[in-house]
């Protein structure tokens, strides 16, 4: 187990395991040294006796016992997922486990079922307990709440909310299959529909109830998205199918927001390819970001969820 624990330059230990063969005993050995506790108004995170994070918090902050939750819950998840491999990240105030299971073929792509627990004892991100679909070819994650009966939850680290979700976890286990099926349906519907590129860009970038005022961060994201349309290894559009003018819009979709180009010919593009190109921008980000961006792009694509 010690060979799997690494050390930062400041000598603080961390765990970073990617796609390791599933081994419950190994996971338990790796998470057991993690201790999270409250002292006065500070949350302290230790690993193997070494303090790796300390954060001042409010009185309502609730501790999520990452280690104990996984020790209690993983045997049940194994039964639902036919667990095959896992990824584990414990560093500073962030803890995350992903367990990958059975394959599903959607739109001729291979997806893996994944169970995810993401928590931050530093309070920077909400607690997320979720199941989803990860596209194997590029690891784009489909983790998005689908309705009020979904298995997935995302909550702030308030003690009452944390305690409630831990208690409700086993009651929600029967919802796993429904949640996966709903996500599969969304992806299948995306492959059958098209949307105006201009409409999608406007949905992403323009502030509501403002006279074409841009959200700067998303404006920059859409510029990067244009490069994915052209250079993505898995989802690029065939440039030879477009005119020079259309190609300019593909390479930089923000041009469609220019007032002087309002009357220009628009492009109708497949929603599934748009979705995958967008999510590819966030493939290396943490689960909290992936969940947020999933929701954002599905709304921009005007996907109707049941």
Protein backbone atom coordinates (compact mmCIF):
# COMPACT_ATOMS: atom_id res chain seq x y z
CA UNK A 1 0.00 0.00 0.00
CA UNK A 2 2.85 2.39 0.81
CA UNK A 3 4.03 2.19 -2.80
CA UNK A 4 0.73 3.76 -3.89
CA UNK A 5 1.10 6.73 -1.55
CA UNK A 6 3.16 9.58 -3.00
CA UNK A 7 4.56 12.80 -1.54
CA UNK A 8 4.40 16.40 -2.68
CA UNK A 9 7.42 18.70 -2.62
CA UNK A 10 6.30 19.89 0.83
CA UNK A 11 6.41 16.22 1.96
CA UNK A 12 2.67 16.01 2.43
CA UNK A 13 1.29 12.63 1.34
CA UNK A 14 -1.30 12.22 -1.42
CA UNK A 15 -2.93 9.42 -3.37
CA UNK A 16 -3.45 9.59 -7.13
CA UNK A 17 -4.53 6.31 -8.71
CA UNK A 18 -5.98 6.11 -12.22
CA UNK A 19 -7.82 3.12 -13.64
CA UNK A 20 -6.43 0.51 -11.27
CA UNK A 21 -7.95 -2.98 -11.24
CA UNK A 22 -10.77 -3.04 -8.69
CA UNK A 23 -9.65 -4.39 -5.33
CA UNK A 24 -11.86 -3.64 -2.33
CA UNK A 25 -9.18 -4.55 0.22
CA UNK A 26 -6.71 -2.23 -1.48
CA UNK A 27 -9.20 0.65 -1.52
CA UNK A 28 -9.96 0.17 2.16
CA UNK A 29 -6.24 0.20 3.01
CA UNK A 30 -5.78 3.42 1.06
CA UNK A 31 -8.71 5.29 2.59
CA UNK A 32 -8.25 4.10 6.19
CA UNK A 33 -5.36 6.52 6.95
CA UNK A 34 -7.61 9.47 6.01
CA UNK A 35 -8.98 11.30 9.04
CA UNK A 36 -11.20 14.39 8.97
CA UNK A 37 -12.17 16.07 12.21
CA UNK A 38 -13.25 19.39 13.66
CA UNK A 39 -11.22 21.27 16.24
CA UNK A 40 -12.81 24.47 17.45
CA UNK A 41 -13.94 26.15 14.21
CA UNK A 42 -11.34 24.45 12.01
CA UNK A 43 -11.69 21.32 9.86
CA UNK A 44 -8.45 19.36 9.84
CA UNK A 45 -7.66 16.71 7.26
CA UNK A 46 -4.92 14.19 8.01
CA UNK A 47 -3.49 11.32 6.05
CA UNK A 48 -1.38 8.70 7.78
CA UNK A 49 -0.85 11.05 10.73
CA UNK A 50 0.27 13.99 8.59
CA UNK A 51 -1.88 17.13 8.39
CA UNK A 52 -2.60 17.82 4.73
CA UNK A 53 -5.27 20.54 5.06
CA UNK A 54 -6.72 22.90 7.65
CA UNK A 55 -9.66 25.18 6.94
CA UNK A 56 -11.65 27.57 9.09
CA UNK A 57 -15.39 26.90 8.79
CA UNK A 58 -18.73 28.07 10.17
CA UNK A 59 -20.63 26.35 12.96
CA UNK A 60 -23.00 24.65 10.51
CA UNK A 61 -20.25 22.92 8.54
CA UNK A 62 -20.74 19.16 8.53
CA UNK A 63 -18.00 16.57 8.27
CA UNK A 64 -18.44 13.92 5.59
CA UNK A 65 -16.57 10.80 6.71
CA UNK A 66 -15.27 9.81 3.28
CA UNK A 67 -13.52 6.66 4.51
CA UNK A 68 -16.37 5.24 6.56
CA UNK A 69 -18.96 6.04 3.91
CA UNK A 70 -17.00 4.07 1.31
CA UNK A 71 -16.34 1.16 3.63
CA UNK A 72 -20.08 0.89 4.27
CA UNK A 73 -21.25 1.57 0.73
CA UNK A 74 -18.81 -0.09 -1.66
CA UNK A 75 -20.03 -3.68 -1.17
CA UNK A 76 -23.49 -2.56 -2.36
CA UNK A 77 -22.06 -0.60 -5.27
CA UNK A 78 -20.02 -3.62 -6.34
CA UNK A 79 -23.23 -5.64 -6.63
CA UNK A 80 -24.86 -2.99 -8.86
CA UNK A 81 -21.85 -2.23 -11.05
CA UNK A 82 -19.83 -5.41 -11.51
CA UNK A 83 -16.86 -3.22 -10.52
CA UNK A 84 -13.84 -3.59 -12.80
CA UNK A 85 -11.44 -0.75 -12.01
CA UNK A 86 -11.22 2.41 -9.92
CA UNK A 87 -9.59 5.82 -9.63
CA UNK A 88 -8.83 7.43 -6.27
CA UNK A 89 -7.63 10.94 -5.46
CA UNK A 90 -6.83 12.16 -1.95
CA UNK A 91 -4.86 15.39 -1.81
CA UNK A 92 -5.01 18.39 0.51
CA UNK A 93 -8.72 18.96 1.14
CA UNK A 94 -10.11 16.97 -1.80
CA UNK A 95 -11.26 13.34 -1.82
CA UNK A 96 -12.68 11.47 -4.80
CA UNK A 97 -13.35 7.85 -5.73
CA UNK A 98 -14.65 6.59 -9.06
CA UNK A 99 -15.62 2.96 -9.54
CA UNK A 100 -16.10 1.83 -13.14
CA UNK A 101 -18.34 -1.09 -14.05
CA UNK A 102 -20.30 -2.58 -16.94
CA UNK A 103 -20.16 -1.29 -20.50
CA UNK A 104 -23.11 0.18 -22.38
CA UNK A 105 -23.10 0.86 -26.13
CA UNK A 106 -24.77 4.19 -26.94
CA UNK A 107 -24.68 5.76 -30.41
CA UNK A 108 -21.99 3.20 -31.34
CA UNK A 109 -19.78 4.54 -28.54
CA UNK A 110 -18.65 2.53 -25.52
CA UNK A 111 -19.68 3.99 -22.16
CA UNK A 112 -18.82 2.73 -18.70
CA UNK A 113 -21.12 2.89 -15.72
CA UNK A 114 -19.37 4.85 -12.97
CA UNK A 115 -20.08 5.40 -9.30
CA UNK A 116 -18.57 8.62 -7.99
CA UNK A 117 -18.06 10.14 -4.56
CA UNK A 118 -16.49 13.59 -4.50
CA UNK A 119 -16.00 15.61 -1.33
CA UNK A 120 -13.88 18.53 -0.21
CA UNK A 121 -13.07 18.87 3.45
CA UNK A 122 -11.74 22.35 2.59
CA UNK A 123 -15.30 23.36 1.68
CA UNK A 124 -14.45 24.60 -1.82
CA UNK A 125 -16.79 22.15 -3.56
CA UNK A 126 -20.11 20.54 -2.60
CA UNK A 127 -20.44 16.91 -1.66
CA UNK A 128 -21.45 14.85 -4.69
CA UNK A 129 -22.62 11.23 -4.66
CA UNK A 130 -23.57 10.11 -8.13
CA UNK A 131 -23.74 7.47 -10.83
CA UNK A 132 -23.20 8.26 -14.46
CA UNK A 133 -21.84 7.26 -17.82
CA UNK A 134 -18.28 7.90 -18.96
CA UNK A 135 -17.46 7.77 -22.64
CA UNK A 136 -14.50 5.44 -22.88
CA UNK A 137 -12.89 6.96 -25.97
CA UNK A 138 -12.23 10.31 -24.29
CA UNK A 139 -13.55 10.00 -20.71
CA UNK A 140 -16.27 12.60 -21.14
CA UNK A 141 -18.49 12.25 -18.09
CA UNK A 142 -22.25 12.19 -18.18
CA UNK A 143 -23.21 13.02 -14.61
CA UNK A 144 -26.31 15.17 -14.51
CA UNK A 145 -29.34 15.10 -12.20
CA UNK A 146 -32.36 14.00 -14.20
CA UNK A 147 -35.30 14.38 -11.84
CA UNK A 148 -36.27 14.57 -8.18
CA UNK A 149 -36.09 10.79 -7.84
CA UNK A 150 -32.55 10.54 -9.17
CA UNK A 151 -29.92 8.62 -7.26
CA UNK A 152 -27.53 11.55 -7.63
CA UNK A 153 -27.18 14.22 -4.95
CA UNK A 154 -25.09 17.36 -4.64
CA UNK A 155 -25.19 19.29 -1.38
CA UNK A 156 -23.21 21.82 0.61
CA UNK A 157 -21.27 20.54 3.61
CA UNK A 158 -23.93 21.49 6.17
CA UNK A 159 -24.08 18.99 8.99
CA UNK A 160 -27.82 18.32 8.73
CA UNK A 161 -27.67 17.85 4.95
CA UNK A 162 -24.64 15.57 5.15
CA UNK A 163 -26.17 13.42 7.86
CA UNK A 164 -29.43 13.16 5.91
CA UNK A 165 -27.79 12.04 2.67
CA UNK A 166 -25.60 9.45 4.38
CA UNK A 167 -28.70 8.00 6.06
CA UNK A 168 -30.66 8.01 2.78
CA UNK A 169 -27.90 6.44 0.69
CA UNK A 170 -29.06 2.85 0.96
CA UNK A 171 -32.67 3.84 0.33
CA UNK A 172 -31.61 5.43 -2.96
CA UNK A 173 -29.68 2.41 -4.25
CA UNK A 174 -32.70 1.07 -6.22
CA UNK A 175 -32.67 4.35 -8.19
CA UNK A 176 -29.27 3.62 -9.75
CA UNK A 177 -30.62 1.72 -12.75
CA UNK A 178 -33.28 4.36 -13.44
CA UNK A 179 -30.68 7.12 -13.28
CA UNK A 180 -28.36 5.34 -15.71
CA UNK A 181 -31.26 4.63 -18.06
CA UNK A 182 -32.34 8.27 -18.04
CA UNK A 183 -28.84 9.40 -18.92
CA UNK A 184 -28.68 6.83 -21.70
CA UNK A 185 -31.95 8.16 -23.10
CA UNK A 186 -30.60 11.72 -23.09
CA UNK A 187 -27.51 10.69 -25.06
CA UNK A 188 -29.57 8.70 -27.56
CA UNK A 189 -31.88 11.67 -28.12
CA UNK A 190 -28.91 13.98 -28.67
CA UNK A 191 -27.70 11.81 -31.55
CA UNK A 192 -31.04 12.19 -33.34
CA UNK A 193 -31.41 15.97 -33.10
CA UNK A 194 -29.79 19.07 -34.56
CA UNK A 195 -29.67 22.64 -33.31
CA UNK A 196 -28.70 25.99 -34.74
CA UNK A 197 -25.08 26.73 -33.80
CA UNK A 198 -26.02 30.37 -33.33
CA UNK A 199 -28.86 29.41 -30.99
CA UNK A 200 -26.61 27.19 -28.89
CA UNK A 201 -23.96 29.92 -28.64
CA UNK A 202 -26.54 32.49 -27.62
CA UNK A 203 -27.94 30.13 -24.99
CA UNK A 204 -24.45 29.69 -23.55
CA UNK A 205 -23.06 33.18 -23.75
CA UNK A 206 -25.74 35.84 -23.59
CA UNK A 207 -26.89 37.05 -20.19
CA UNK A 208 -30.65 36.76 -19.61
CA UNK A 209 -32.68 39.96 -19.80
CA UNK A 210 -29.66 41.91 -21.07
CA UNK A 211 -29.21 43.53 -24.46
CA UNK A 212 -26.80 40.94 -25.90
CA UNK A 213 -24.37 41.32 -23.00
CA UNK A 214 -21.81 38.53 -22.88
CA UNK A 215 -20.77 36.26 -20.02
CA UNK A 216 -17.02 36.74 -20.49
CA UNK A 217 -15.89 33.35 -19.20
CA UNK A 218 -18.33 31.52 -21.44
CA UNK A 219 -17.47 33.75 -24.38
CA UNK A 220 -13.87 32.55 -24.02
CA UNK A 221 -15.05 28.95 -23.61
CA UNK A 222 -16.96 29.12 -26.89
CA UNK A 223 -13.82 30.34 -28.64
CA UNK A 224 -12.02 27.24 -27.38
CA UNK A 225 -14.99 25.13 -28.44
CA UNK A 226 -14.45 26.24 -32.04
CA UNK A 227 -10.98 24.70 -31.92
CA UNK A 228 -12.47 21.43 -30.69
CA UNK A 229 -14.87 21.45 -33.65
CA UNK A 230 -11.85 21.43 -35.94
CA UNK A 231 -9.17 19.54 -34.00
CA UNK A 232 -10.92 17.10 -31.67
CA UNK A 233 -9.44 13.62 -32.06
CA UNK A 234 -12.83 12.00 -31.56
CA UNK A 235 -15.59 14.44 -32.53
CA UNK A 236 -14.26 16.97 -35.05
CA UNK A 237 -16.47 18.03 -37.92
CA UNK A 238 -15.30 17.22 -41.47
CA UNK A 239 -14.02 20.57 -42.68
CA UNK A 240 -14.39 19.59 -46.33
CA UNK A 241 -18.15 19.50 -45.89
CA UNK A 242 -18.33 23.26 -45.20
CA UNK A 243 -17.83 26.39 -47.23
CA UNK A 244 -15.13 28.88 -46.33
CA UNK A 245 -17.70 31.13 -44.66
CA UNK A 246 -19.23 28.26 -42.67
CA UNK A 247 -15.79 27.07 -41.63
CA UNK A 248 -15.06 30.51 -40.19
CA UNK A 249 -18.13 30.14 -37.93
CA UNK A 250 -17.07 26.65 -36.89
CA UNK A 251 -13.57 27.79 -35.99
CA UNK A 252 -14.87 30.76 -33.99
CA UNK A 253 -18.59 30.43 -33.13
CA UNK A 254 -18.53 33.77 -31.27
CA UNK A 255 -18.70 35.43 -34.72
CA UNK A 256 -22.37 34.48 -34.71
CA UNK A 257 -22.89 37.00 -31.92
CA UNK A 258 -21.67 39.92 -34.03
CA UNK A 259 -24.54 42.34 -34.87
CA UNK A 260 -23.25 42.76 -38.40
CA UNK A 261 -23.61 39.02 -38.99
CA UNK A 262 -27.16 38.56 -37.71
CA UNK A 263 -28.45 37.78 -41.19
CA UNK A 264 -25.65 35.42 -42.12
CA UNK A 265 -26.40 31.81 -42.91
CA UNK A 266 -26.46 29.69 -39.78
CA UNK A 267 -25.28 26.11 -39.29
CA UNK A 268 -27.43 23.20 -38.14
CA UNK A 269 -25.25 20.76 -36.21
CA UNK A 270 -25.78 17.43 -34.50
CA UNK A 271 -26.40 17.86 -30.76
CA UNK A 272 -24.42 14.77 -29.81
CA UNK A 273 -21.25 16.02 -31.50
CA UNK A 274 -21.74 19.48 -30.00
CA UNK A 275 -22.19 17.96 -26.56
CA UNK A 276 -19.08 15.81 -26.80
CA UNK A 277 -16.89 18.63 -28.12
CA UNK A 278 -18.03 20.89 -25.29
CA UNK A 279 -17.48 18.31 -22.56
CA UNK A 280 -14.06 17.47 -23.97
CA UNK A 281 -12.97 20.93 -22.81
CA UNK A 282 -13.49 19.78 -19.20
CA UNK A 283 -12.32 16.17 -19.42
CA UNK A 284 -9.51 16.70 -16.88
CA UNK A 285 -11.51 18.76 -14.41
CA UNK A 286 -13.00 17.48 -11.16
CA UNK A 287 -16.49 16.08 -10.85
CA UNK A 288 -18.01 19.29 -9.50
CA UNK A 289 -16.98 21.12 -12.67
CA UNK A 290 -18.07 18.27 -14.96
CA UNK A 291 -21.52 18.18 -13.35
CA UNK A 292 -21.92 21.95 -13.69
CA UNK A 293 -20.83 21.99 -17.32
CA UNK A 294 -23.03 18.99 -18.18
CA UNK A 295 -26.03 20.87 -16.92
CA UNK A 296 -24.97 24.05 -18.72
CA UNK A 297 -24.48 22.44 -22.15
CA UNK A 298 -27.66 20.36 -21.96
CA UNK A 299 -29.63 23.52 -21.21
CA UNK A 300 -27.91 25.30 -24.11
CA UNK A 301 -28.79 22.39 -26.38
CA UNK A 302 -32.40 22.74 -25.21
CA UNK A 303 -32.58 19.12 -24.06
CA UNK A 304 -35.88 18.23 -22.44
CA UNK A 305 -35.36 16.02 -19.37
CA UNK A 306 -38.24 14.02 -17.92
